[in-house]
Amino acid sequence: MLQTLSNKVRKFTALEGEQKIIFIQAWFMLGWARAAILTVSFKRLSAPLQHHRELVTPSMLSPEQLQQASRIGKLVASAASATPWQSRCLAQVLVVQRLLARRDIPGQFYLGVRKGGEDGTDPAGLAAHAWLRCGDVIVNGGSGHEDYTVVSAFSWGKLTRNPTQGQRGQV
């Protein structure tokens, strides 16, 4: 345990100044997100976002925006691994979304489900997952997202309709 803490401290101190600030912001925001998920309706949490019944694609982003979005997604995932509370995909996506919106970086996050429960072996179970995309890049929650069927999408910023995608499906 002491070695794990030492590794986390070493990784944190290796971050650049701005990255440390984002990491600390993310850590506190993950606490807020966890508390909000437990106490507030999702409808209220997603109120400032655009809800889509069909899939839409965010407008093209500059390489700098994509790089910043990817960096923020990774920093939030890293901060999530350092929280003493559960900071799973939905909490992470809510935090990444807010950090990106503050920087005027548009994007979209998805909620998906799959049969089989968390480990995929329970025939009566369902598992849920959230992931966030900016442009063509999944910046948070991408691991395993292709196993989930999109049931809802939320966006912020400028978007364009994607005529090749149906109402619900894989992303």
N, C-alpha and C. Protein backbone atom coordinates (compact mmCIF):
# COMPACT_ATOMS: atom_id res chain seq x y z
N MET A 1 0.83 -1.19 0.00
CA MET A 1 0.00 0.00 0.00
C MET A 1 0.87 1.25 0.00
N LEU A 2 1.91 1.25 0.80
CA LEU A 2 2.81 2.40 0.85
C LEU A 2 3.48 2.61 -0.50
N GLN A 3 3.85 1.51 -1.17
CA GLN A 3 4.47 1.61 -2.48
C GLN A 3 3.48 2.18 -3.50
N THR A 4 2.22 1.77 -3.43
CA THR A 4 1.20 2.28 -4.33
C THR A 4 1.03 3.78 -4.14
N LEU A 5 0.97 4.22 -2.89
CA LEU A 5 0.85 5.65 -2.59
C LEU A 5 2.07 6.39 -3.11
N SER A 6 3.23 5.82 -2.91
CA SER A 6 4.47 6.43 -3.39
C SER A 6 4.46 6.56 -4.91
N ASN A 7 3.97 5.54 -5.61
CA ASN A 7 3.87 5.61 -7.07
C ASN A 7 2.91 6.70 -7.52
N LYS A 8 1.78 6.83 -6.83
CA LYS A 8 0.80 7.86 -7.18
C LYS A 8 1.37 9.25 -6.95
N VAL A 9 2.09 9.43 -5.85
CA VAL A 9 2.71 10.73 -5.57
C VAL A 9 3.76 11.03 -6.64
N ARG A 10 4.54 10.05 -7.01
CA ARG A 10 5.57 10.23 -8.03
C ARG A 10 4.94 10.62 -9.37
N LYS A 11 3.85 9.96 -9.74
CA LYS A 11 3.17 10.30 -10.99
C LYS A 11 2.60 11.71 -10.95
N PHE A 12 2.03 12.09 -9.80
CA PHE A 12 1.47 13.43 -9.67
C PHE A 12 2.56 14.49 -9.78
N THR A 13 3.67 14.30 -9.09
CA THR A 13 4.74 15.30 -9.13
C THR A 13 5.38 15.40 -10.51
N ALA A 14 5.26 14.37 -11.33
CA ALA A 14 5.81 14.40 -12.69
C ALA A 14 4.94 15.22 -13.65
N LEU A 15 3.70 15.53 -13.24
CA LEU A 15 2.81 16.32 -14.10
C LEU A 15 3.30 17.75 -14.20
N GLU A 16 2.98 18.40 -15.32
CA GLU A 16 3.27 19.82 -15.49
C GLU A 16 2.29 20.62 -14.65
N GLY A 17 2.58 21.89 -14.44
CA GLY A 17 1.77 22.76 -13.57
C GLY A 17 0.29 22.77 -13.91
N GLU A 18 -0.05 23.02 -15.19
CA GLU A 18 -1.46 23.06 -15.58
C GLU A 18 -2.13 21.70 -15.40
N GLN A 19 -1.38 20.63 -15.67
CA GLN A 19 -1.93 19.30 -15.51
C GLN A 19 -2.22 19.00 -14.04
N LYS A 20 -1.36 19.47 -13.14
CA LYS A 20 -1.61 19.29 -11.71
C LYS A 20 -2.89 19.99 -11.29
N ILE A 21 -3.11 21.19 -11.82
CA ILE A 21 -4.33 21.94 -11.49
C ILE A 21 -5.56 21.19 -11.97
N ILE A 22 -5.52 20.69 -13.20
CA ILE A 22 -6.66 19.94 -13.75
C ILE A 22 -6.87 18.66 -12.94
N PHE A 23 -5.80 17.97 -12.57
CA PHE A 23 -5.91 16.76 -11.76
C PHE A 23 -6.61 17.06 -10.43
N ILE A 24 -6.19 18.11 -9.76
CA ILE A 24 -6.79 18.46 -8.46
C ILE A 24 -8.24 18.86 -8.65
N GLN A 25 -8.54 19.67 -9.67
CA GLN A 25 -9.93 20.03 -9.96
C GLN A 25 -10.76 18.77 -10.20
N ALA A 26 -10.22 17.88 -11.01
CA ALA A 26 -10.93 16.64 -11.34
C ALA A 26 -11.18 15.81 -10.09
N TRP A 27 -10.21 15.71 -9.21
CA TRP A 27 -10.35 14.92 -7.99
C TRP A 27 -11.53 15.43 -7.16
N PHE A 28 -11.59 16.75 -6.96
CA PHE A 28 -12.70 17.32 -6.19
C PHE A 28 -14.02 17.21 -6.94
N MET A 29 -13.99 17.42 -8.25
CA MET A 29 -15.21 17.31 -9.04
C MET A 29 -15.73 15.88 -9.07
N LEU A 30 -14.85 14.90 -9.02
CA LEU A 30 -15.29 13.50 -8.95
C LEU A 30 -16.05 13.24 -7.66
N GLY A 31 -15.63 13.87 -6.57
CA GLY A 31 -16.38 13.77 -5.32
C GLY A 31 -17.76 14.38 -5.47
N TRP A 32 -17.82 15.55 -6.11
CA TRP A 32 -19.10 16.19 -6.36
C TRP A 32 -19.97 15.29 -7.23
N ALA A 33 -19.38 14.75 -8.30
CA ALA A 33 -20.15 13.91 -9.23
C ALA A 33 -20.68 12.66 -8.55
N ARG A 34 -19.86 12.03 -7.73
CA ARG A 34 -20.30 10.83 -7.01
C ARG A 34 -21.47 11.15 -6.09
N ALA A 35 -21.35 12.24 -5.34
CA ALA A 35 -22.44 12.65 -4.45
C ALA A 35 -23.70 13.00 -5.24
N ALA A 36 -23.52 13.68 -6.37
CA ALA A 36 -24.67 14.06 -7.19
C ALA A 36 -25.35 12.84 -7.78
N ILE A 37 -24.59 11.87 -8.24
CA ILE A 37 -25.16 10.64 -8.81
C ILE A 37 -26.00 9.92 -7.76
N LEU A 38 -25.56 9.96 -6.51
CA LEU A 38 -26.27 9.27 -5.44
C LEU A 38 -27.49 10.04 -4.94
N THR A 39 -27.54 11.36 -5.16
CA THR A 39 -28.60 12.15 -4.52
C THR A 39 -29.49 12.94 -5.47
N VAL A 40 -29.08 13.11 -6.71
CA VAL A 40 -29.82 13.97 -7.65
C VAL A 40 -30.27 13.13 -8.83
N SER A 41 -31.41 13.46 -9.39
CA SER A 41 -31.89 12.71 -10.56
C SER A 41 -30.98 12.97 -11.75
N PHE A 42 -30.87 11.96 -12.63
CA PHE A 42 -30.04 12.13 -13.81
C PHE A 42 -30.61 13.22 -14.71
N LYS A 43 -31.91 13.36 -14.73
CA LYS A 43 -32.54 14.41 -15.54
C LYS A 43 -32.02 15.78 -15.12
N ARG A 44 -31.87 15.98 -13.84
CA ARG A 44 -31.36 17.26 -13.34
C ARG A 44 -29.86 17.40 -13.64
N LEU A 45 -29.11 16.31 -13.51
CA LEU A 45 -27.68 16.36 -13.81
C LEU A 45 -27.41 16.68 -15.28
N SER A 46 -28.27 16.20 -16.15
CA SER A 46 -28.06 16.38 -17.58
C SER A 46 -28.85 17.57 -18.14
N ALA A 47 -29.50 18.35 -17.29
CA ALA A 47 -30.34 19.46 -17.75
C ALA A 47 -29.62 20.46 -18.66
N PRO A 48 -28.36 20.82 -18.39
CA PRO A 48 -27.72 21.80 -19.28
C PRO A 48 -27.26 21.23 -20.63
N LEU A 49 -27.43 19.94 -20.83
CA LEU A 49 -26.96 19.29 -22.05
C LEU A 49 -28.10 19.08 -23.03
N GLN A 50 -27.74 18.91 -24.30
CA GLN A 50 -28.72 18.59 -25.32
C GLN A 50 -28.87 17.07 -25.36
N HIS A 51 -30.10 16.59 -25.23
CA HIS A 51 -30.36 15.15 -25.30
C HIS A 51 -30.74 14.81 -26.74
N HIS A 52 -30.22 13.70 -27.23
CA HIS A 52 -30.47 13.31 -28.62
C HIS A 52 -31.10 11.93 -28.68
N ARG A 53 -32.14 11.84 -29.50
CA ARG A 53 -32.77 10.54 -29.72
C ARG A 53 -32.10 9.83 -30.90
N GLU A 54 -31.37 10.57 -31.69
CA GLU A 54 -30.58 9.97 -32.75
C GLU A 54 -29.14 10.40 -32.56
N LEU A 55 -28.23 9.63 -33.11
CA LEU A 55 -26.82 9.93 -32.92
C LEU A 55 -26.41 11.13 -33.76
N VAL A 56 -25.61 11.99 -33.18
CA VAL A 56 -25.08 13.15 -33.87
C VAL A 56 -23.57 13.16 -33.70
N THR A 57 -22.91 13.85 -34.58
CA THR A 57 -21.45 13.91 -34.54
C THR A 57 -21.02 15.32 -34.21
N PRO A 58 -20.12 15.50 -33.25
CA PRO A 58 -19.62 16.84 -32.96
C PRO A 58 -18.92 17.42 -34.18
N SER A 59 -18.90 18.74 -34.26
CA SER A 59 -18.19 19.38 -35.36
C SER A 59 -16.70 19.07 -35.24
N MET A 60 -16.01 19.25 -36.32
CA MET A 60 -14.58 18.98 -36.34
C MET A 60 -13.86 19.89 -35.34
N LEU A 61 -12.89 19.33 -34.67
CA LEU A 61 -12.11 20.08 -33.70
C LEU A 61 -10.70 20.29 -34.22
N SER A 62 -10.06 21.33 -33.74
CA SER A 62 -8.67 21.56 -34.12
C SER A 62 -7.80 20.50 -33.45
N PRO A 63 -6.62 20.26 -33.98
CA PRO A 63 -5.71 19.31 -33.33
C PRO A 63 -5.40 19.70 -31.88
N GLU A 64 -5.33 21.00 -31.61
CA GLU A 64 -5.06 21.46 -30.25
C GLU A 64 -6.22 21.11 -29.31
N GLN A 65 -7.46 21.29 -29.80
CA GLN A 65 -8.63 20.95 -28.99
C GLN A 65 -8.68 19.46 -28.72
N LEU A 66 -8.41 18.66 -29.74
CA LEU A 66 -8.41 17.21 -29.56
C LEU A 66 -7.34 16.77 -28.57
N GLN A 67 -6.17 17.39 -28.66
CA GLN A 67 -5.08 17.06 -27.74
C GLN A 67 -5.46 17.45 -26.31
N GLN A 68 -6.05 18.63 -26.15
CA GLN A 68 -6.45 19.07 -24.82
C GLN A 68 -7.56 18.18 -24.26
N ALA A 69 -8.53 17.80 -25.10
CA ALA A 69 -9.61 16.92 -24.66
C ALA A 69 -9.07 15.57 -24.23
N SER A 70 -8.16 15.01 -25.01
CA SER A 70 -7.56 13.72 -24.66
C SER A 70 -6.78 13.81 -23.35
N ARG A 71 -6.04 14.88 -23.18
CA ARG A 71 -5.26 15.07 -21.95
C ARG A 71 -6.19 15.18 -20.74
N ILE A 72 -7.28 15.93 -20.88
CA ILE A 72 -8.24 16.07 -19.78
C ILE A 72 -8.88 14.73 -19.47
N GLY A 73 -9.27 13.98 -20.50
CA GLY A 73 -9.86 12.66 -20.27
C GLY A 73 -8.93 11.74 -19.49
N LYS A 74 -7.64 11.76 -19.84
CA LYS A 74 -6.66 10.92 -19.15
C LYS A 74 -6.42 11.40 -17.72
N LEU A 75 -6.38 12.72 -17.52
CA LEU A 75 -6.17 13.25 -16.17
C LEU A 75 -7.34 12.91 -15.25
N VAL A 76 -8.56 12.98 -15.79
CA VAL A 76 -9.73 12.63 -14.97
C VAL A 76 -9.69 11.14 -14.63
N ALA A 77 -9.34 10.29 -15.59
CA ALA A 77 -9.23 8.85 -15.31
C ALA A 77 -8.16 8.60 -14.25
N SER A 78 -7.07 9.32 -14.33
CA SER A 78 -6.00 9.18 -13.35
C SER A 78 -6.46 9.65 -11.97
N ALA A 79 -7.15 10.78 -11.92
CA ALA A 79 -7.67 11.28 -10.64
C ALA A 79 -8.69 10.30 -10.07
N ALA A 80 -9.48 9.67 -10.93
CA ALA A 80 -10.49 8.70 -10.48
C ALA A 80 -9.83 7.51 -9.78
N SER A 81 -8.66 7.14 -10.25
CA SER A 81 -7.98 6.00 -9.62
C SER A 81 -7.39 6.38 -8.26
N ALA A 82 -7.37 7.68 -7.95
CA ALA A 82 -6.81 8.14 -6.68
C ALA A 82 -7.87 8.55 -5.65
N THR A 83 -9.14 8.37 -5.99
CA THR A 83 -10.19 8.75 -5.04
C THR A 83 -10.49 7.60 -4.08
N PRO A 84 -10.83 7.92 -2.82
CA PRO A 84 -11.19 6.86 -1.89
C PRO A 84 -12.64 6.38 -2.08
N TRP A 85 -13.39 7.02 -2.95
CA TRP A 85 -14.75 6.63 -3.27
C TRP A 85 -14.77 6.07 -4.69
N GLN A 86 -15.90 5.47 -5.07
CA GLN A 86 -16.03 4.95 -6.43
C GLN A 86 -16.16 6.11 -7.41
N SER A 87 -15.33 6.11 -8.40
CA SER A 87 -15.39 7.12 -9.46
C SER A 87 -15.43 6.40 -10.80
N ARG A 88 -16.56 5.78 -11.05
CA ARG A 88 -16.70 4.98 -12.27
C ARG A 88 -17.01 5.85 -13.47
N CYS A 89 -17.37 5.21 -14.55
CA CYS A 89 -17.48 5.86 -15.85
C CYS A 89 -18.43 7.06 -15.87
N LEU A 90 -19.60 6.97 -15.26
CA LEU A 90 -20.54 8.09 -15.33
C LEU A 90 -19.99 9.31 -14.61
N ALA A 91 -19.42 9.12 -13.43
CA ALA A 91 -18.82 10.24 -12.71
C ALA A 91 -17.70 10.86 -13.53
N GLN A 92 -16.87 10.03 -14.13
CA GLN A 92 -15.76 10.54 -14.93
C GLN A 92 -16.27 11.33 -16.14
N VAL A 93 -17.26 10.79 -16.82
CA VAL A 93 -17.80 11.46 -18.00
C VAL A 93 -18.41 12.81 -17.62
N LEU A 94 -19.12 12.88 -16.51
CA LEU A 94 -19.71 14.15 -16.08
C LEU A 94 -18.63 15.19 -15.79
N VAL A 95 -17.54 14.75 -15.19
CA VAL A 95 -16.44 15.67 -14.88
C VAL A 95 -15.72 16.11 -16.15
N VAL A 96 -15.40 15.17 -17.02
CA VAL A 96 -14.73 15.52 -18.28
C VAL A 96 -15.60 16.50 -19.07
N GLN A 97 -16.90 16.23 -19.14
CA GLN A 97 -17.80 17.11 -19.89
C GLN A 97 -17.74 18.53 -19.35
N ARG A 98 -17.79 18.69 -18.06
CA ARG A 98 -17.76 20.03 -17.48
C ARG A 98 -16.42 20.73 -17.70
N LEU A 99 -15.34 19.98 -17.60
CA LEU A 99 -14.02 20.58 -17.84
C LEU A 99 -13.86 20.99 -19.31
N LEU A 100 -14.39 20.20 -20.23
CA LEU A 100 -14.32 20.54 -21.65
C LEU A 100 -15.23 21.72 -21.97
N ALA A 101 -16.42 21.74 -21.43
CA ALA A 101 -17.36 22.83 -21.69
C ALA A 101 -16.77 24.16 -21.23
N ARG A 102 -16.07 24.15 -20.10
CA ARG A 102 -15.42 25.38 -19.61
C ARG A 102 -14.39 25.90 -20.60
N ARG A 103 -13.85 25.02 -21.42
CA ARG A 103 -12.82 25.39 -22.39
C ARG A 103 -13.40 25.51 -23.80
N ASP A 104 -14.72 25.53 -23.91
CA ASP A 104 -15.41 25.64 -25.19
C ASP A 104 -15.01 24.55 -26.18
N ILE A 105 -14.82 23.35 -25.66
CA ILE A 105 -14.53 22.20 -26.51
C ILE A 105 -15.80 21.36 -26.58
N PRO A 106 -16.45 21.30 -27.76
CA PRO A 106 -17.69 20.55 -27.88
C PRO A 106 -17.45 19.04 -27.86
N GLY A 107 -18.50 18.32 -27.54
CA GLY A 107 -18.40 16.87 -27.53
C GLY A 107 -19.74 16.23 -27.25
N GLN A 108 -19.68 14.95 -27.02
CA GLN A 108 -20.89 14.17 -26.80
C GLN A 108 -20.55 13.01 -25.90
N PHE A 109 -21.48 12.69 -24.98
CA PHE A 109 -21.27 11.46 -24.23
C PHE A 109 -22.45 10.54 -24.42
N TYR A 110 -22.15 9.27 -24.28
CA TYR A 110 -23.11 8.21 -24.56
C TYR A 110 -23.36 7.39 -23.31
N LEU A 111 -24.58 6.92 -23.20
CA LEU A 111 -24.93 5.92 -22.20
C LEU A 111 -25.32 4.67 -22.97
N GLY A 112 -24.75 3.55 -22.57
CA GLY A 112 -25.03 2.30 -23.27
C GLY A 112 -25.30 1.18 -22.29
N VAL A 113 -25.94 0.13 -22.78
CA VAL A 113 -26.21 -1.06 -21.98
C VAL A 113 -25.83 -2.30 -22.77
N ARG A 114 -25.61 -3.39 -22.05
CA ARG A 114 -25.38 -4.69 -22.67
C ARG A 114 -25.98 -5.75 -21.77
N LYS A 115 -26.35 -6.85 -22.37
CA LYS A 115 -26.86 -7.99 -21.61
C LYS A 115 -25.70 -8.74 -20.99
N GLY A 116 -25.96 -9.42 -19.90
CA GLY A 116 -24.95 -10.27 -19.29
C GLY A 116 -24.36 -9.74 -18.00
N GLY A 117 -24.79 -8.59 -17.55
CA GLY A 117 -24.25 -8.06 -16.30
C GLY A 117 -22.83 -7.54 -16.44
N GLU A 118 -22.23 -7.20 -15.31
CA GLU A 118 -20.89 -6.60 -15.31
C GLU A 118 -19.83 -7.50 -15.95
N ASP A 119 -19.88 -8.78 -15.68
CA ASP A 119 -18.84 -9.67 -16.22
C ASP A 119 -19.29 -10.39 -17.49
N GLY A 120 -20.52 -10.11 -17.94
CA GLY A 120 -21.00 -10.70 -19.18
C GLY A 120 -21.53 -12.12 -19.08
N THR A 121 -21.58 -12.68 -17.87
CA THR A 121 -21.98 -14.08 -17.72
C THR A 121 -23.37 -14.27 -17.14
N ASP A 122 -24.02 -13.22 -16.69
CA ASP A 122 -25.35 -13.33 -16.08
C ASP A 122 -26.41 -13.10 -17.16
N PRO A 123 -27.08 -14.17 -17.62
CA PRO A 123 -28.02 -14.02 -18.73
C PRO A 123 -29.20 -13.10 -18.40
N ALA A 124 -29.50 -12.90 -17.14
CA ALA A 124 -30.62 -12.02 -16.76
C ALA A 124 -30.14 -10.62 -16.42
N GLY A 125 -28.84 -10.40 -16.38
CA GLY A 125 -28.31 -9.12 -15.93
C GLY A 125 -28.06 -8.13 -17.05
N LEU A 126 -27.99 -6.88 -16.67
CA LEU A 126 -27.65 -5.80 -17.58
C LEU A 126 -26.46 -5.05 -17.00
N ALA A 127 -25.65 -4.52 -17.85
CA ALA A 127 -24.55 -3.66 -17.44
C ALA A 127 -24.68 -2.35 -18.19
N ALA A 128 -24.28 -1.27 -17.56
CA ALA A 128 -24.34 0.05 -18.18
C ALA A 128 -22.93 0.64 -18.24
N HIS A 129 -22.74 1.53 -19.19
CA HIS A 129 -21.44 2.18 -19.36
C HIS A 129 -21.66 3.57 -19.94
N ALA A 130 -20.75 4.49 -19.63
CA ALA A 130 -20.76 5.83 -20.20
C ALA A 130 -19.40 6.12 -20.79
N TRP A 131 -19.39 6.79 -21.93
CA TRP A 131 -18.13 7.20 -22.53
C TRP A 131 -18.33 8.54 -23.24
N LEU A 132 -17.23 9.24 -23.46
CA LEU A 132 -17.29 10.59 -23.98
C LEU A 132 -16.39 10.70 -25.21
N ARG A 133 -16.93 11.38 -26.22
CA ARG A 133 -16.21 11.53 -27.49
C ARG A 133 -16.15 13.00 -27.87
N CYS A 134 -15.00 13.39 -28.38
CA CYS A 134 -14.81 14.70 -28.99
C CYS A 134 -14.33 14.46 -30.41
N GLY A 135 -15.05 14.98 -31.38
CA GLY A 135 -14.71 14.67 -32.77
C GLY A 135 -14.79 13.17 -32.96
N ASP A 136 -13.74 12.60 -33.51
CA ASP A 136 -13.69 11.16 -33.73
C ASP A 136 -12.94 10.41 -32.65
N VAL A 137 -12.59 11.09 -31.57
CA VAL A 137 -11.75 10.51 -30.53
C VAL A 137 -12.54 10.29 -29.25
N ILE A 138 -12.49 9.07 -28.73
CA ILE A 138 -13.09 8.81 -27.42
C ILE A 138 -12.05 9.20 -26.38
N VAL A 139 -12.39 10.18 -25.56
CA VAL A 139 -11.41 10.71 -24.62
C VAL A 139 -11.58 10.18 -23.21
N ASN A 140 -12.69 9.50 -22.93
CA ASN A 140 -12.87 8.91 -21.60
C ASN A 140 -13.89 7.78 -21.71
N GLY A 141 -13.62 6.66 -21.03
CA GLY A 141 -14.55 5.54 -20.99
C GLY A 141 -14.53 4.67 -22.23
N GLY A 142 -13.51 4.78 -23.04
CA GLY A 142 -13.47 4.05 -24.30
C GLY A 142 -13.27 2.56 -24.19
N SER A 143 -12.66 2.10 -23.11
CA SER A 143 -12.36 0.68 -22.97
C SER A 143 -13.64 -0.14 -22.92
N GLY A 144 -13.86 -0.95 -23.93
CA GLY A 144 -15.02 -1.84 -23.98
C GLY A 144 -16.31 -1.20 -24.44
N HIS A 145 -16.30 0.06 -24.83
CA HIS A 145 -17.55 0.73 -25.21
C HIS A 145 -18.24 0.05 -26.38
N GLU A 146 -17.47 -0.60 -27.24
CA GLU A 146 -18.07 -1.22 -28.42
C GLU A 146 -18.97 -2.40 -28.07
N ASP A 147 -18.90 -2.89 -26.83
CA ASP A 147 -19.77 -3.99 -26.39
C ASP A 147 -21.14 -3.50 -25.94
N TYR A 148 -21.35 -2.18 -25.93
CA TYR A 148 -22.59 -1.60 -25.41
C TYR A 148 -23.41 -0.99 -26.53
N THR A 149 -24.72 -1.11 -26.39
CA THR A 149 -25.65 -0.48 -27.33
C THR A 149 -26.04 0.88 -26.77
N VAL A 150 -25.89 1.90 -27.58
CA VAL A 150 -26.21 3.26 -27.15
C VAL A 150 -27.71 3.38 -26.92
N VAL A 151 -28.08 3.87 -25.75
CA VAL A 151 -29.49 4.11 -25.44
C VAL A 151 -29.79 5.60 -25.31
N SER A 152 -28.75 6.41 -25.12
CA SER A 152 -28.95 7.83 -25.00
C SER A 152 -27.64 8.56 -25.30
N ALA A 153 -27.77 9.76 -25.83
CA ALA A 153 -26.60 10.58 -26.12
C ALA A 153 -26.88 12.01 -25.68
N PHE A 154 -25.86 12.66 -25.16
CA PHE A 154 -25.96 14.03 -24.68
C PHE A 154 -24.79 14.82 -25.24
N SER A 155 -25.04 16.07 -25.61
CA SER A 155 -23.97 16.85 -26.22
C SER A 155 -23.97 18.28 -25.70
N TRP A 156 -22.89 18.96 -26.01
CA TRP A 156 -22.74 20.38 -25.73
C TRP A 156 -21.90 20.94 -26.87
N GLY A 157 -22.05 22.21 -27.15
CA GLY A 157 -21.29 22.83 -28.24
C GLY A 157 -21.96 22.59 -29.58
N LYS A 158 -21.24 22.91 -30.64
CA LYS A 158 -21.76 22.80 -32.00
C LYS A 158 -21.76 21.35 -32.47
N LEU A 159 -22.86 20.96 -33.11
CA LEU A 159 -23.01 19.58 -33.60
C LEU A 159 -23.53 19.59 -35.02
N THR A 160 -23.29 18.48 -35.71
CA THR A 160 -23.89 18.26 -37.02
C THR A 160 -24.59 16.91 -36.99
N ARG A 161 -25.70 16.80 -37.67
CA ARG A 161 -26.42 15.54 -37.73
C ARG A 161 -25.62 14.52 -38.51
N ASN A 162 -25.70 13.27 -38.10
CA ASN A 162 -25.01 12.19 -38.81
C ASN A 162 -26.08 11.33 -39.48
N PRO A 163 -26.32 11.51 -40.77
CA PRO A 163 -27.40 10.79 -41.44
C PRO A 163 -27.15 9.31 -41.62
N THR A 164 -25.92 8.84 -41.45
CA THR A 164 -25.63 7.43 -41.66
C THR A 164 -25.93 6.58 -40.44
N GLN A 165 -26.23 7.17 -39.30
CA GLN A 165 -26.48 6.43 -38.08
C GLN A 165 -27.98 6.42 -37.78
N GLY A 166 -28.47 5.32 -37.29
CA GLY A 166 -29.87 5.21 -36.91
C GLY A 166 -30.12 5.82 -35.56
N GLN A 167 -31.32 5.61 -35.05
CA GLN A 167 -31.65 6.18 -33.76
C GLN A 167 -30.83 5.58 -32.64
N ARG A 168 -30.67 4.30 -32.65
CA ARG A 168 -29.92 3.64 -31.59
C ARG A 168 -28.94 2.67 -32.24
N GLY A 169 -27.80 2.50 -31.64
CA GLY A 169 -26.86 1.56 -32.22
C GLY A 169 -25.48 1.71 -31.65
N GLN A 170 -24.57 1.02 -32.25
CA GLN A 170 -23.18 1.03 -31.81
C GLN A 170 -22.50 2.31 -32.27
N VAL A 171 -21.57 2.79 -31.49
CA VAL A 171 -20.76 3.95 -31.86
C VAL A 171 -19.32 3.56 -31.72
